[in-house]
Amino acid sequence: MAARGYTLCISYPPTWMDWPMLKSGNPDVIKPGMVFFIHIILFDKASGSCICIGETAIVTKGACERINQVPRQVIGN
């Protein structure tokens, strides 16, 4: 549960999570061209509910490049 993101790839056996995971203490170097899904998980222990938000980004030599173009806003009533 300490991970904040993970790489995306095509692999077998089928999985959507691949190494390296983005987490504190991970010694792996993040390099341009790598693709990560960056996420935040919020828990409410009292109700037993949680929510996960995130987006996919490509690492570049400058700032990361967002892959999706969905606006960053709360969608609801």
N, C-alpha and C. Protein backbone atom coordinates (compact mmCIF):
# COMPACT_ATOMS: atom_id res chain seq x y z
N MET A 1 0.81 -1.20 0.00
CA MET A 1 0.00 0.00 0.00
C MET A 1 0.85 1.26 0.00
N ALA A 2 2.17 1.13 0.05
CA ALA A 2 3.04 2.30 0.07
C ALA A 2 3.35 2.82 -1.33
N ALA A 3 2.95 2.09 -2.37
CA ALA A 3 3.25 2.51 -3.74
C ALA A 3 2.42 3.72 -4.13
N ARG A 4 2.99 4.58 -4.95
CA ARG A 4 2.30 5.77 -5.46
C ARG A 4 2.17 5.74 -6.97
N GLY A 5 2.61 4.66 -7.58
CA GLY A 5 2.52 4.52 -9.02
C GLY A 5 3.27 3.30 -9.48
N TYR A 6 3.03 2.90 -10.71
CA TYR A 6 3.68 1.72 -11.26
C TYR A 6 3.77 1.87 -12.77
N THR A 7 4.72 1.13 -13.38
CA THR A 7 4.89 1.20 -14.83
C THR A 7 3.77 0.44 -15.52
N LEU A 8 3.60 0.73 -16.81
CA LEU A 8 2.61 0.04 -17.63
C LEU A 8 3.33 -0.65 -18.76
N CYS A 9 2.91 -1.88 -19.07
CA CYS A 9 3.53 -2.59 -20.18
C CYS A 9 2.64 -3.74 -20.61
N ILE A 10 3.08 -4.44 -21.61
CA ILE A 10 2.43 -5.67 -22.04
C ILE A 10 3.27 -6.79 -21.50
N SER A 11 2.66 -7.70 -20.76
CA SER A 11 3.45 -8.76 -20.15
C SER A 11 2.64 -10.03 -20.01
N TYR A 12 3.32 -11.12 -19.72
CA TYR A 12 2.67 -12.39 -19.44
C TYR A 12 3.35 -12.99 -18.22
N PRO A 13 2.67 -13.45 -17.20
CA PRO A 13 1.22 -13.59 -17.17
C PRO A 13 0.53 -12.22 -17.14
N PRO A 14 -0.73 -12.20 -17.57
CA PRO A 14 -1.44 -10.91 -17.66
C PRO A 14 -1.40 -10.14 -16.34
N THR A 15 -0.92 -8.93 -16.43
CA THR A 15 -0.88 -8.04 -15.27
C THR A 15 -0.81 -6.61 -15.77
N TRP A 16 -1.36 -5.70 -15.02
CA TRP A 16 -1.26 -4.29 -15.38
C TRP A 16 -0.25 -3.58 -14.51
N MET A 17 0.38 -4.29 -13.59
CA MET A 17 1.41 -3.68 -12.75
C MET A 17 2.75 -4.32 -13.06
N ASP A 18 3.76 -3.53 -13.27
CA ASP A 18 5.09 -4.02 -13.59
C ASP A 18 6.09 -3.26 -12.74
N TRP A 19 7.30 -3.77 -12.64
CA TRP A 19 8.38 -3.14 -11.90
C TRP A 19 9.02 -2.08 -12.78
N PRO A 20 9.46 -0.94 -12.29
CA PRO A 20 9.55 -0.58 -10.89
C PRO A 20 8.28 0.11 -10.39
N MET A 21 8.00 -0.09 -9.13
CA MET A 21 6.92 0.62 -8.46
C MET A 21 7.47 1.94 -7.95
N LEU A 22 6.67 2.98 -7.97
CA LEU A 22 7.08 4.26 -7.39
C LEU A 22 6.74 4.22 -5.90
N LYS A 23 7.76 4.11 -5.07
CA LYS A 23 7.55 4.08 -3.63
C LYS A 23 8.81 4.54 -2.93
N SER A 24 8.65 4.96 -1.71
CA SER A 24 9.77 5.44 -0.91
C SER A 24 10.82 4.35 -0.76
N GLY A 25 12.08 4.72 -0.96
CA GLY A 25 13.18 3.79 -0.78
C GLY A 25 13.52 2.94 -1.99
N ASN A 26 12.75 3.03 -3.07
CA ASN A 26 13.05 2.25 -4.27
C ASN A 26 14.31 2.83 -4.93
N PRO A 27 15.37 2.04 -5.11
CA PRO A 27 16.62 2.55 -5.67
C PRO A 27 16.63 2.67 -7.20
N ASP A 28 15.62 2.17 -7.88
CA ASP A 28 15.60 2.21 -9.35
C ASP A 28 15.55 3.65 -9.87
N VAL A 29 16.25 3.90 -10.98
CA VAL A 29 16.30 5.22 -11.59
C VAL A 29 15.14 5.35 -12.57
N ILE A 30 14.41 6.46 -12.47
CA ILE A 30 13.32 6.75 -13.41
C ILE A 30 13.95 7.48 -14.59
N LYS A 31 13.70 6.97 -15.82
CA LYS A 31 14.35 7.51 -17.02
C LYS A 31 13.31 7.99 -18.04
N PRO A 32 13.72 8.97 -18.90
CA PRO A 32 12.82 9.40 -19.96
C PRO A 32 12.37 8.23 -20.83
N GLY A 33 11.09 8.26 -21.21
CA GLY A 33 10.52 7.21 -22.02
C GLY A 33 9.73 6.19 -21.22
N MET A 34 9.95 6.15 -19.90
CA MET A 34 9.19 5.23 -19.06
C MET A 34 7.76 5.78 -18.90
N VAL A 35 6.80 4.87 -18.80
CA VAL A 35 5.39 5.25 -18.64
C VAL A 35 4.90 4.74 -17.29
N PHE A 36 4.29 5.62 -16.53
CA PHE A 36 3.79 5.27 -15.21
C PHE A 36 2.33 5.67 -15.05
N PHE A 37 1.61 4.89 -14.26
CA PHE A 37 0.30 5.32 -13.77
C PHE A 37 0.54 5.81 -12.35
N ILE A 38 0.30 7.10 -12.13
CA ILE A 38 0.52 7.72 -10.83
C ILE A 38 -0.82 7.77 -10.11
N HIS A 39 -0.87 7.30 -8.87
CA HIS A 39 -2.16 7.27 -8.19
C HIS A 39 -2.06 7.65 -6.72
N ILE A 40 -3.21 8.02 -6.21
CA ILE A 40 -3.36 8.32 -4.79
C ILE A 40 -4.57 7.53 -4.31
N ILE A 41 -4.42 6.82 -3.19
CA ILE A 41 -5.53 6.07 -2.60
C ILE A 41 -5.88 6.71 -1.27
N LEU A 42 -7.15 7.04 -1.10
CA LEU A 42 -7.62 7.62 0.16
C LEU A 42 -8.53 6.62 0.85
N PHE A 43 -8.25 6.31 2.11
CA PHE A 43 -9.02 5.34 2.89
C PHE A 43 -9.82 6.02 3.99
N ASP A 44 -10.99 5.47 4.28
CA ASP A 44 -11.78 5.84 5.44
C ASP A 44 -12.02 4.56 6.23
N LYS A 45 -11.18 4.33 7.25
CA LYS A 45 -11.27 3.08 8.02
C LYS A 45 -12.62 2.93 8.72
N ALA A 46 -13.19 4.03 9.16
CA ALA A 46 -14.46 3.97 9.89
C ALA A 46 -15.58 3.37 9.03
N SER A 47 -15.64 3.74 7.77
CA SER A 47 -16.71 3.24 6.89
C SER A 47 -16.25 2.06 6.04
N GLY A 48 -14.93 1.83 6.00
CA GLY A 48 -14.40 0.74 5.18
C GLY A 48 -14.41 1.07 3.69
N SER A 49 -14.48 2.35 3.35
CA SER A 49 -14.51 2.73 1.94
C SER A 49 -13.20 3.39 1.53
N CYS A 50 -12.96 3.42 0.23
CA CYS A 50 -11.76 4.07 -0.29
C CYS A 50 -12.03 4.59 -1.70
N ILE A 51 -11.14 5.44 -2.15
CA ILE A 51 -11.21 5.99 -3.51
C ILE A 51 -9.79 6.06 -4.04
N CYS A 52 -9.63 5.80 -5.33
CA CYS A 52 -8.32 5.87 -5.98
C CYS A 52 -8.43 6.81 -7.17
N ILE A 53 -7.58 7.80 -7.22
CA ILE A 53 -7.54 8.71 -8.35
C ILE A 53 -6.14 8.68 -8.94
N GLY A 54 -6.02 8.94 -10.22
CA GLY A 54 -4.69 8.96 -10.82
C GLY A 54 -4.73 9.23 -12.30
N GLU A 55 -3.55 9.24 -12.90
CA GLU A 55 -3.45 9.43 -14.34
C GLU A 55 -2.15 8.85 -14.85
N THR A 56 -2.09 8.62 -16.14
CA THR A 56 -0.92 8.02 -16.78
C THR A 56 -0.03 9.13 -17.35
N ALA A 57 1.29 8.97 -17.18
CA ALA A 57 2.24 9.98 -17.65
C ALA A 57 3.49 9.32 -18.22
N ILE A 58 4.10 10.01 -19.19
CA ILE A 58 5.38 9.59 -19.78
C ILE A 58 6.47 10.45 -19.16
N VAL A 59 7.54 9.83 -18.71
CA VAL A 59 8.68 10.56 -18.15
C VAL A 59 9.45 11.18 -19.31
N THR A 60 9.76 12.47 -19.21
CA THR A 60 10.55 13.18 -20.22
C THR A 60 11.77 13.79 -19.53
N LYS A 61 12.61 14.48 -20.28
CA LYS A 61 13.78 15.14 -19.69
C LYS A 61 13.35 16.35 -18.86
N GLY A 62 12.15 16.88 -19.14
CA GLY A 62 11.61 18.00 -18.35
C GLY A 62 10.49 17.48 -17.46
N ALA A 63 9.37 18.15 -17.49
CA ALA A 63 8.20 17.71 -16.71
C ALA A 63 7.57 16.49 -17.37
N CYS A 64 6.91 15.66 -16.56
CA CYS A 64 6.22 14.49 -17.13
C CYS A 64 5.11 14.95 -18.06
N GLU A 65 4.83 14.13 -19.08
CA GLU A 65 3.79 14.45 -20.06
C GLU A 65 2.56 13.60 -19.77
N ARG A 66 1.44 14.25 -19.49
CA ARG A 66 0.18 13.54 -19.26
C ARG A 66 -0.26 12.86 -20.55
N ILE A 67 -0.73 11.62 -20.45
CA ILE A 67 -1.22 10.92 -21.63
C ILE A 67 -2.69 11.21 -21.86
N ASN A 68 -3.49 11.18 -20.79
CA ASN A 68 -4.92 11.45 -20.99
C ASN A 68 -5.18 12.94 -21.06
N GLN A 69 -6.28 13.31 -21.63
CA GLN A 69 -6.63 14.72 -21.76
C GLN A 69 -7.90 15.06 -20.98
N VAL A 70 -8.28 14.20 -20.05
CA VAL A 70 -9.46 14.44 -19.23
C VAL A 70 -9.17 15.59 -18.29
N PRO A 71 -10.09 16.56 -18.21
CA PRO A 71 -9.85 17.70 -17.29
C PRO A 71 -9.71 17.24 -15.84
N ARG A 72 -8.86 17.92 -15.10
CA ARG A 72 -8.67 17.62 -13.68
C ARG A 72 -9.71 18.38 -12.87
N GLN A 73 -10.85 17.76 -12.70
CA GLN A 73 -11.93 18.36 -11.93
C GLN A 73 -12.82 17.30 -11.35
N VAL A 74 -13.53 17.66 -10.29
CA VAL A 74 -14.47 16.74 -9.66
C VAL A 74 -15.71 16.66 -10.55
N ILE A 75 -16.14 15.43 -10.85
CA ILE A 75 -17.33 15.22 -11.67
C ILE A 75 -18.43 14.71 -10.74
N GLY A 76 -19.53 15.39 -10.68
CA GLY A 76 -20.61 14.97 -9.79
C GLY A 76 -21.77 15.95 -9.83
N ASN A 77 -22.64 15.79 -8.85
CA ASN A 77 -23.85 16.63 -8.80
C ASN A 77 -23.51 18.04 -8.41
